[in-house]
Amino acid sequence: MSYKLLRPLGLTCVWAELRLGDRASGRQAGRCLRACAGELAARRALTAVFQEGLACRDVFLDRGFREAGCGALLAAKAGEIVTLAAKNRQRAYLTARRADRGSLETARRLCESFRYLTLDVPAESFEQFEDVCGAAGVTPEPSALCPSPPDAAVFLCGPVETVFLPGKCVKLTLDGAGETVKGGREIGRISFTLPEARRFDLPFPAAPLLSAALEAGTVTPGEVTVAAAAVR
């Protein structure tokens, strides 16, 4: 086992590399993995990014590690993602729990690309969304008055009532929203790019690290470009 301190995108990371010979027994592999988990815990590592295809995640997750996700990254770039994936750009649909910076930015970005926007947001937040959308030249409509099916939908949270989408609608569902969203086509192939000076080359998935950097504030949403987005 070897450990190396790295700082991709301004994050402090410990890269752990385990090499097991072809003749290593399951017991030997287990001891090695448990020792690695103990060493990472001693170094105060709490979140793990696993190499693709690694089959021993549970050894770490059962010991309190959290697997890094891409929620912050997807939420920050949601408007751009569905815009790239949608073939038709008449109407977009947005569900959000509150009017915060991220949800308002998503609404603004959707209004730049779609002619109409349907909002499923708390009544007390509607006016804030209305101001942002109005500045982009779109008058949003509450979900109860949606006159036509959407071409694209972003669910930053789960809708209170089940939403049924047409088969052509592309959707991005976050924060457990999938259980109350029926129909549509999930966007599943997404790639991102960074400015040349901020790119890094490490042998594990880059998206979770990029998401963590956005959460930590060491990377800004404006530095991230959605290179491609397509339905599964």
C-alpha atoms as a PDB file:
ATOM      1  CA  MET A   1       0.000   0.000   0.000  1.00  0.00           C
ATOM      2  CA  SER A   2       1.134   3.538  -0.691  1.00  0.00           C
ATOM      3  CA  TYR A   3      -0.324   6.922   0.174  1.00  0.00           C
ATOM      4  CA  LYS A   4       0.231  10.287  -1.457  1.00  0.00           C
ATOM      5  CA  LEU A   5      -1.051  13.746  -0.517  1.00  0.00           C
ATOM      6  CA  LEU A   6      -2.601  15.541  -3.509  1.00  0.00           C
ATOM      7  CA  ARG A   7      -4.392  18.863  -3.984  1.00  0.00           C
ATOM      8  CA  PRO A   8      -6.559  18.672  -7.137  1.00  0.00           C
ATOM      9  CA  LEU A   9      -8.720  21.776  -7.584  1.00  0.00           C
ATOM     10  CA  GLY A  10      -7.621  23.094  -4.200  1.00  0.00           C
ATOM     11  CA  LEU A  11      -8.929  20.065  -2.304  1.00  0.00           C
ATOM     12  CA  THR A  12      -6.733  18.208   0.155  1.00  0.00           C
ATOM     13  CA  CYS A  13      -6.851  14.528  -0.841  1.00  0.00           C
ATOM     14  CA  VAL A  14      -5.056  11.344   0.130  1.00  0.00           C
ATOM     15  CA  TRP A  15      -4.490   8.986  -2.772  1.00  0.00           C
ATOM     16  CA  ALA A  16      -4.334   5.408  -1.540  1.00  0.00           C
ATOM     17  CA  GLU A  17      -2.995   2.781  -3.927  1.00  0.00           C
ATOM     18  CA  LEU A  18      -3.371  -0.922  -3.155  1.00  0.00           C
ATOM     19  CA  ARG A  19      -1.601  -3.583  -5.177  1.00  0.00           C
ATOM     20  CA  LEU A  20      -2.556  -7.185  -4.533  1.00  0.00           C
ATOM     21  CA  GLY A  21      -0.763 -10.038  -6.260  1.00  0.00           C
ATOM     22  CA  ASP A  22      -2.670 -12.565  -8.321  1.00  0.00           C
ATOM     23  CA  ARG A  23      -2.113 -15.148  -5.616  1.00  0.00           C
ATOM     24  CA  ALA A  24      -3.459 -13.034  -2.745  1.00  0.00           C
ATOM     25  CA  SER A  25      -6.178 -14.844  -0.814  1.00  0.00           C
ATOM     26  CA  GLY A  26      -9.513 -13.298   0.110  1.00  0.00           C
ATOM     27  CA  ARG A  27      -8.354 -13.115   3.729  1.00  0.00           C
ATOM     28  CA  GLN A  28      -5.175 -11.271   2.749  1.00  0.00           C
ATOM     29  CA  ALA A  29      -7.132  -8.854   0.561  1.00  0.00           C
ATOM     30  CA  GLY A  30      -9.576  -8.194   3.404  1.00  0.00           C
ATOM     31  CA  ARG A  31      -6.750  -7.444   5.850  1.00  0.00           C
ATOM     32  CA  CYS A  32      -5.167  -5.080   3.343  1.00  0.00           C
ATOM     33  CA  LEU A  33      -8.419  -3.211   2.717  1.00  0.00           C
ATOM     34  CA  ARG A  34      -9.207  -2.897   6.414  1.00  0.00           C
ATOM     35  CA  ALA A  35      -5.718  -1.588   7.081  1.00  0.00           C
ATOM     36  CA  CYS A  36      -6.154   0.961   4.301  1.00  0.00           C
ATOM     37  CA  ALA A  37      -9.482   2.099   5.735  1.00  0.00           C
ATOM     38  CA  GLY A  38      -7.862   2.483   9.142  1.00  0.00           C
ATOM     39  CA  GLU A  39      -4.984   4.509   7.732  1.00  0.00           C
ATOM     40  CA  LEU A  40      -7.311   6.841   5.826  1.00  0.00           C
ATOM     41  CA  ALA A  41      -9.456   7.328   8.921  1.00  0.00           C
ATOM     42  CA  ALA A  42      -6.322   8.168  10.917  1.00  0.00           C
ATOM     43  CA  ARG A  43      -5.531  10.810   8.290  1.00  0.00           C
ATOM     44  CA  ARG A  44      -9.053  12.222   8.860  1.00  0.00           C
ATOM     45  CA  ALA A  45     -10.301  11.336   5.402  1.00  0.00           C
ATOM     46  CA  LEU A  46     -14.110  11.185   5.529  1.00  0.00           C
ATOM     47  CA  THR A  47     -15.207  11.079   1.885  1.00  0.00           C
ATOM     48  CA  ALA A  48     -14.060   8.523  -0.671  1.00  0.00           C
ATOM     49  CA  VAL A  49     -13.759   8.605  -4.463  1.00  0.00           C
ATOM     50  CA  PHE A  50     -13.368   5.065  -5.765  1.00  0.00           C
ATOM     51  CA  GLN A  51     -11.706   3.936  -8.959  1.00  0.00           C
ATOM     52  CA  GLU A  52     -14.306   2.818 -11.495  1.00  0.00           C
ATOM     53  CA  GLY A  53     -15.156  -0.843 -11.175  1.00  0.00           C
ATOM     54  CA  LEU A  54     -13.765  -1.209  -7.654  1.00  0.00           C
ATOM     55  CA  ALA A  55     -15.724  -3.986  -5.967  1.00  0.00           C
ATOM     56  CA  CYS A  56     -14.735  -3.419  -2.330  1.00  0.00           C
ATOM     57  CA  ARG A  57     -16.627  -0.218  -1.558  1.00  0.00           C
ATOM     58  CA  ASP A  58     -18.487  -1.749   1.376  1.00  0.00           C
ATOM     59  CA  VAL A  59     -15.266  -2.257   3.318  1.00  0.00           C
ATOM     60  CA  PHE A  60     -14.950   1.534   3.472  1.00  0.00           C
ATOM     61  CA  LEU A  61     -18.625   2.518   3.572  1.00  0.00           C
ATOM     62  CA  ASP A  62     -19.270   0.147   6.483  1.00  0.00           C
ATOM     63  CA  ARG A  63     -16.560   1.981   8.406  1.00  0.00           C
ATOM     64  CA  GLY A  64     -18.209   5.376   8.107  1.00  0.00           C
ATOM     65  CA  PHE A  65     -16.771   6.697   4.859  1.00  0.00           C
ATOM     66  CA  ARG A  66     -19.124   8.568   2.528  1.00  0.00           C
ATOM     67  CA  GLU A  67     -18.828   8.013  -1.205  1.00  0.00           C
ATOM     68  CA  ALA A  68     -18.493  11.317  -3.031  1.00  0.00           C
ATOM     69  CA  GLY A  69     -21.407  12.093  -5.311  1.00  0.00           C
ATOM     70  CA  CYS A  70     -22.053  14.566  -8.109  1.00  0.00           C
ATOM     71  CA  GLY A  71     -25.139  16.294  -6.701  1.00  0.00           C
ATOM     72  CA  ALA A  72     -23.584  19.742  -6.297  1.00  0.00           C
ATOM     73  CA  LEU A  73     -22.113  19.629  -9.800  1.00  0.00           C
ATOM     74  CA  LEU A  74     -25.363  18.519 -11.436  1.00  0.00           C
ATOM     75  CA  ALA A  75     -27.390  21.094  -9.506  1.00  0.00           C
ATOM     76  CA  ALA A  76     -25.020  23.925 -10.414  1.00  0.00           C
ATOM     77  CA  LYS A  77     -25.101  23.114 -14.141  1.00  0.00           C
ATOM     78  CA  ALA A  78     -28.657  21.722 -14.407  1.00  0.00           C
ATOM     79  CA  GLY A  79     -29.911  24.415 -16.774  1.00  0.00           C
ATOM     80  CA  GLU A  80     -27.039  23.915 -19.190  1.00  0.00           C
ATOM     81  CA  ILE A  81     -27.328  20.133 -19.034  1.00  0.00           C
ATOM     82  CA  VAL A  82     -30.984  19.923 -20.042  1.00  0.00           C
ATOM     83  CA  THR A  83     -30.533  22.643 -22.662  1.00  0.00           C
ATOM     84  CA  LEU A  84     -27.848  20.578 -24.387  1.00  0.00           C
ATOM     85  CA  ALA A  85     -29.860  17.356 -24.134  1.00  0.00           C
ATOM     86  CA  ALA A  86     -33.222  18.746 -25.311  1.00  0.00           C
ATOM     87  CA  LYS A  87     -34.024  18.549 -29.008  1.00  0.00           C
ATOM     88  CA  ASN A  88     -37.013  20.877 -28.682  1.00  0.00           C
ATOM     89  CA  ARG A  89     -36.818  24.062 -26.630  1.00  0.00           C
ATOM     90  CA  GLN A  90     -40.345  25.329 -26.275  1.00  0.00           C
ATOM     91  CA  ARG A  91     -41.162  24.652 -22.623  1.00  0.00           C
ATOM     92  CA  ALA A  92     -39.074  23.740 -19.579  1.00  0.00           C
ATOM     93  CA  TYR A  93     -40.287  22.581 -16.174  1.00  0.00           C
ATOM     94  CA  LEU A  94     -38.479  23.313 -12.908  1.00  0.00           C
ATOM     95  CA  THR A  95     -39.137  22.000  -9.408  1.00  0.00           C
ATOM     96  CA  ALA A  96     -37.230  23.571  -6.522  1.00  0.00           C
ATOM     97  CA  ARG A  97     -37.577  23.550  -2.758  1.00  0.00           C
ATOM     98  CA  ARG A  98     -36.562  27.184  -2.260  1.00  0.00           C
ATOM     99  CA  ALA A  99     -35.397  30.307  -4.067  1.00  0.00           C
ATOM    100  CA  ASP A 100     -31.658  30.059  -3.419  1.00  0.00           C
ATOM    101  CA  ARG A 101     -28.772  31.091  -5.631  1.00  0.00           C
ATOM    102  CA  GLY A 102     -28.565  27.734  -7.410  1.00  0.00           C
ATOM    103  CA  SER A 103     -32.271  27.323  -8.176  1.00  0.00           C
ATOM    104  CA  LEU A 104     -32.618  30.924  -9.333  1.00  0.00           C
ATOM    105  CA  GLU A 105     -29.607  30.513 -11.607  1.00  0.00           C
ATOM    106  CA  THR A 106     -31.130  27.343 -13.048  1.00  0.00           C
ATOM    107  CA  ALA A 107     -34.366  29.216 -13.760  1.00  0.00           C
ATOM    108  CA  ARG A 108     -32.453  32.052 -15.423  1.00  0.00           C
ATOM    109  CA  ARG A 109     -30.479  29.641 -17.603  1.00  0.00           C
ATOM    110  CA  LEU A 110     -33.628  27.804 -18.680  1.00  0.00           C
ATOM    111  CA  CYS A 111     -35.251  31.104 -19.623  1.00  0.00           C
ATOM    112  CA  GLU A 112     -32.317  31.876 -21.907  1.00  0.00           C
ATOM    113  CA  SER A 113     -32.979  28.742 -23.961  1.00  0.00           C
ATOM    114  CA  PHE A 114     -36.714  27.970 -23.666  1.00  0.00           C
ATOM    115  CA  ARG A 115     -39.675  30.150 -24.589  1.00  0.00           C
ATOM    116  CA  TYR A 116     -41.760  29.113 -21.601  1.00  0.00           C
ATOM    117  CA  LEU A 117     -41.005  27.961 -18.065  1.00  0.00           C
ATOM    118  CA  THR A 118     -43.323  26.127 -15.696  1.00  0.00           C
ATOM    119  CA  LEU A 119     -42.441  26.433 -12.008  1.00  0.00           C
ATOM    120  CA  ASP A 120     -43.230  23.986  -9.230  1.00  0.00           C
ATOM    121  CA  VAL A 121     -41.948  26.011  -6.264  1.00  0.00           C
ATOM    122  CA  PRO A 122     -43.350  27.140  -2.888  1.00  0.00           C
ATOM    123  CA  ALA A 123     -45.867  29.955  -3.233  1.00  0.00           C
ATOM    124  CA  GLU A 124     -43.768  32.264  -1.072  1.00  0.00           C
ATOM    125  CA  SER A 125     -40.814  31.848  -3.458  1.00  0.00           C
ATOM    126  CA  PHE A 126     -42.677  32.346  -6.729  1.00  0.00           C
ATOM    127  CA  GLU A 127     -42.166  36.108  -6.862  1.00  0.00           C
ATOM    128  CA  GLN A 128     -38.378  35.765  -6.598  1.00  0.00           C
ATOM    129  CA  PHE A 129     -38.340  33.321  -9.498  1.00  0.00           C
ATOM    130  CA  GLU A 130     -40.705  35.617 -11.395  1.00  0.00           C
ATOM    131  CA  ASP A 131     -38.256  38.515 -11.066  1.00  0.00           C
ATOM    132  CA  VAL A 132     -35.319  36.439 -12.359  1.00  0.00           C
ATOM    133  CA  CYS A 133     -37.316  34.997 -15.246  1.00  0.00           C
ATOM    134  CA  GLY A 134     -38.792  38.366 -16.140  1.00  0.00           C
ATOM    135  CA  ALA A 135     -35.307  39.842 -16.449  1.00  0.00           C
ATOM    136  CA  ALA A 136     -34.578  37.086 -18.984  1.00  0.00           C
ATOM    137  CA  GLY A 137     -37.731  37.902 -20.939  1.00  0.00           C
ATOM    138  CA  VAL A 138     -39.912  34.997 -19.769  1.00  0.00           C
ATOM    139  CA  THR A 139     -43.056  35.086 -17.644  1.00  0.00           C
ATOM    140  CA  PRO A 140     -43.113  31.832 -15.644  1.00  0.00           C
ATOM    141  CA  GLU A 141     -46.292  29.883 -15.035  1.00  0.00           C
ATOM    142  CA  PRO A 142     -47.196  27.901 -11.904  1.00  0.00           C
ATOM    143  CA  SER A 143     -47.379  24.142 -12.414  1.00  0.00           C
ATOM    144  CA  ALA A 144     -51.141  24.126 -11.817  1.00  0.00           C
ATOM    145  CA  LEU A 145     -51.617  26.213 -14.970  1.00  0.00           C
ATOM    146  CA  CYS A 146     -49.169  24.416 -17.278  1.00  0.00           C
ATOM    147  CA  PRO A 147     -50.938  24.534 -20.681  1.00  0.00           C
ATOM    148  CA  SER A 148     -48.653  22.127 -22.571  1.00  0.00           C
ATOM    149  CA  PRO A 149     -46.210  19.294 -21.808  1.00  0.00           C
ATOM    150  CA  PRO A 150     -42.547  20.244 -21.306  1.00  0.00           C
ATOM    151  CA  ASP A 151     -39.631  19.397 -23.558  1.00  0.00           C
ATOM    152  CA  ALA A 152     -37.179  19.367 -20.648  1.00  0.00           C
ATOM    153  CA  ALA A 153     -37.505  19.170 -16.875  1.00  0.00           C
ATOM    154  CA  VAL A 154     -35.214  19.790 -13.904  1.00  0.00           C
ATOM    155  CA  PHE A 155     -36.130  18.411 -10.493  1.00  0.00           C
ATOM    156  CA  LEU A 156     -33.838  19.917  -7.878  1.00  0.00           C
ATOM    157  CA  CYS A 157     -36.082  18.179  -5.336  1.00  0.00           C
ATOM    158  CA  GLY A 158     -38.979  15.770  -5.457  1.00  0.00           C
ATOM    159  CA  PRO A 159     -42.360  17.293  -6.400  1.00  0.00           C
ATOM    160  CA  VAL A 160     -45.070  17.162  -3.743  1.00  0.00           C
ATOM    161  CA  GLU A 161     -47.422  15.400  -6.154  1.00  0.00           C
ATOM    162  CA  THR A 162     -46.439  12.864  -8.796  1.00  0.00           C
ATOM    163  CA  VAL A 163     -45.499  14.479 -12.118  1.00  0.00           C
ATOM    164  CA  PHE A 164     -46.131  12.623 -15.385  1.00  0.00           C
ATOM    165  CA  LEU A 165     -43.869  13.610 -18.272  1.00  0.00           C
ATOM    166  CA  PRO A 166     -44.274  12.838 -21.973  1.00  0.00           C
ATOM    167  CA  GLY A 167     -41.882  10.295 -23.447  1.00  0.00           C
ATOM    168  CA  LYS A 168     -39.996  12.934 -25.457  1.00  0.00           C
ATOM    169  CA  CYS A 169     -39.193  15.057 -22.378  1.00  0.00           C
ATOM    170  CA  VAL A 170     -35.592  14.913 -21.160  1.00  0.00           C
ATOM    171  CA  LYS A 171     -35.242  15.114 -17.389  1.00  0.00           C
ATOM    172  CA  LEU A 172     -32.602  15.630 -14.732  1.00  0.00           C
ATOM    173  CA  THR A 173     -33.674  14.376 -11.300  1.00  0.00           C
ATOM    174  CA  LEU A 174     -31.729  15.195  -8.121  1.00  0.00           C
ATOM    175  CA  ASP A 175     -32.153  14.721  -4.391  1.00  0.00           C
ATOM    176  CA  GLY A 176     -34.349  11.633  -4.575  1.00  0.00           C
ATOM    177  CA  ALA A 177     -36.802  13.207  -6.996  1.00  0.00           C
ATOM    178  CA  GLY A 178     -37.109  10.104  -9.160  1.00  0.00           C
ATOM    179  CA  GLU A 179     -39.750   8.406  -7.007  1.00  0.00           C
ATOM    180  CA  THR A 180     -42.416  11.014  -7.795  1.00  0.00           C
ATOM    181  CA  VAL A 181     -41.451  11.661 -11.423  1.00  0.00           C
ATOM    182  CA  LYS A 182     -42.925   9.315 -14.024  1.00  0.00           C
ATOM    183  CA  GLY A 183     -42.090   9.173 -17.710  1.00  0.00           C
ATOM    184  CA  GLY A 184     -39.566  11.235 -19.595  1.00  0.00           C
ATOM    185  CA  ARG A 185     -36.020  10.240 -20.490  1.00  0.00           C
ATOM    186  CA  GLU A 186     -33.258  10.539 -17.912  1.00  0.00           C
ATOM    187  CA  ILE A 187     -30.088  12.368 -18.926  1.00  0.00           C
ATOM    188  CA  GLY A 188     -27.309   9.912 -18.199  1.00  0.00           C
ATOM    189  CA  ARG A 189     -24.260  10.784 -20.294  1.00  0.00           C
ATOM    190  CA  ILE A 190     -22.766  14.091 -19.200  1.00  0.00           C
ATOM    191  CA  SER A 191     -19.216  15.385 -19.541  1.00  0.00           C
ATOM    192  CA  PHE A 192     -17.647  18.566 -18.208  1.00  0.00           C
ATOM    193  CA  THR A 193     -14.536  20.580 -18.959  1.00  0.00           C
ATOM    194  CA  LEU A 194     -12.420  23.044 -17.013  1.00  0.00           C
ATOM    195  CA  PRO A 195     -10.002  25.733 -18.189  1.00  0.00           C
ATOM    196  CA  GLU A 196      -6.662  24.238 -19.202  1.00  0.00           C
ATOM    197  CA  ALA A 197      -4.889  25.636 -16.158  1.00  0.00           C
ATOM    198  CA  ARG A 198      -7.251  23.810 -13.783  1.00  0.00           C
ATOM    199  CA  ARG A 199      -7.326  20.381 -15.398  1.00  0.00           C
ATOM    200  CA  PHE A 200      -5.801  17.392 -13.650  1.00  0.00           C
ATOM    201  CA  ASP A 201      -4.999  13.815 -14.535  1.00  0.00           C
ATOM    202  CA  LEU A 202      -5.726  11.257 -11.826  1.00  0.00           C
ATOM    203  CA  PRO A 203      -6.738   7.594 -12.225  1.00  0.00           C
ATOM    204  CA  PHE A 204     -10.206   7.886 -10.713  1.00  0.00           C
ATOM    205  CA  PRO A 205     -13.473   9.635 -11.667  1.00  0.00           C
ATOM    206  CA  ALA A 206     -13.103  13.401 -11.981  1.00  0.00           C
ATOM    207  CA  ALA A 207     -16.768  14.415 -11.639  1.00  0.00           C
ATOM    208  CA  PRO A 208     -17.063  13.686  -7.868  1.00  0.00           C
ATOM    209  CA  LEU A 209     -13.903  15.713  -7.217  1.00  0.00           C
ATOM    210  CA  LEU A 210     -15.254  18.562  -9.323  1.00  0.00           C
ATOM    211  CA  SER A 211     -18.527  18.411  -7.390  1.00  0.00           C
ATOM    212  CA  ALA A 212     -16.669  18.502  -4.065  1.00  0.00           C
ATOM    213  CA  ALA A 213     -14.638  21.489  -5.265  1.00  0.00           C
ATOM    214  CA  LEU A 214     -17.833  23.360  -6.104  1.00  0.00           C
ATOM    215  CA  GLU A 215     -19.191  22.625  -2.626  1.00  0.00           C
ATOM    216  CA  ALA A 216     -15.935  23.788  -1.047  1.00  0.00           C
ATOM    217  CA  GLY A 217     -15.832  26.949  -3.156  1.00  0.00           C
ATOM    218  CA  THR A 218     -12.432  26.191  -4.678  1.00  0.00           C
ATOM    219  CA  VAL A 219     -14.054  26.065  -8.127  1.00  0.00           C
ATOM    220  CA  THR A 220     -16.861  28.358  -9.310  1.00  0.00           C
ATOM    221  CA  PRO A 221     -19.755  27.251 -11.537  1.00  0.00           C
ATOM    222  CA  GLY A 222     -18.580  29.708 -14.170  1.00  0.00           C
ATOM    223  CA  GLU A 223     -15.322  27.768 -14.579  1.00  0.00           C
ATOM    224  CA  VAL A 224     -17.193  24.575 -15.449  1.00  0.00           C
ATOM    225  CA  THR A 225     -18.513  23.991 -18.964  1.00  0.00           C
ATOM    226  CA  VAL A 226     -20.961  21.254 -19.881  1.00  0.00           C
ATOM    227  CA  ALA A 227     -19.229  19.633 -22.844  1.00  0.00           C
ATOM    228  CA  ALA A 228     -21.937  17.096 -23.689  1.00  0.00           C
ATOM    229  CA  ALA A 229     -25.249  15.801 -22.325  1.00  0.00           C
ATOM    230  CA  ALA A 230     -27.398  13.047 -23.759  1.00  0.00           C
ATOM    231  CA  VAL A 231     -30.169  10.704 -22.658  1.00  0.00           C
ATOM    232  CA  ARG A 232     -29.383   7.102 -21.876  1.00  0.00           C
END
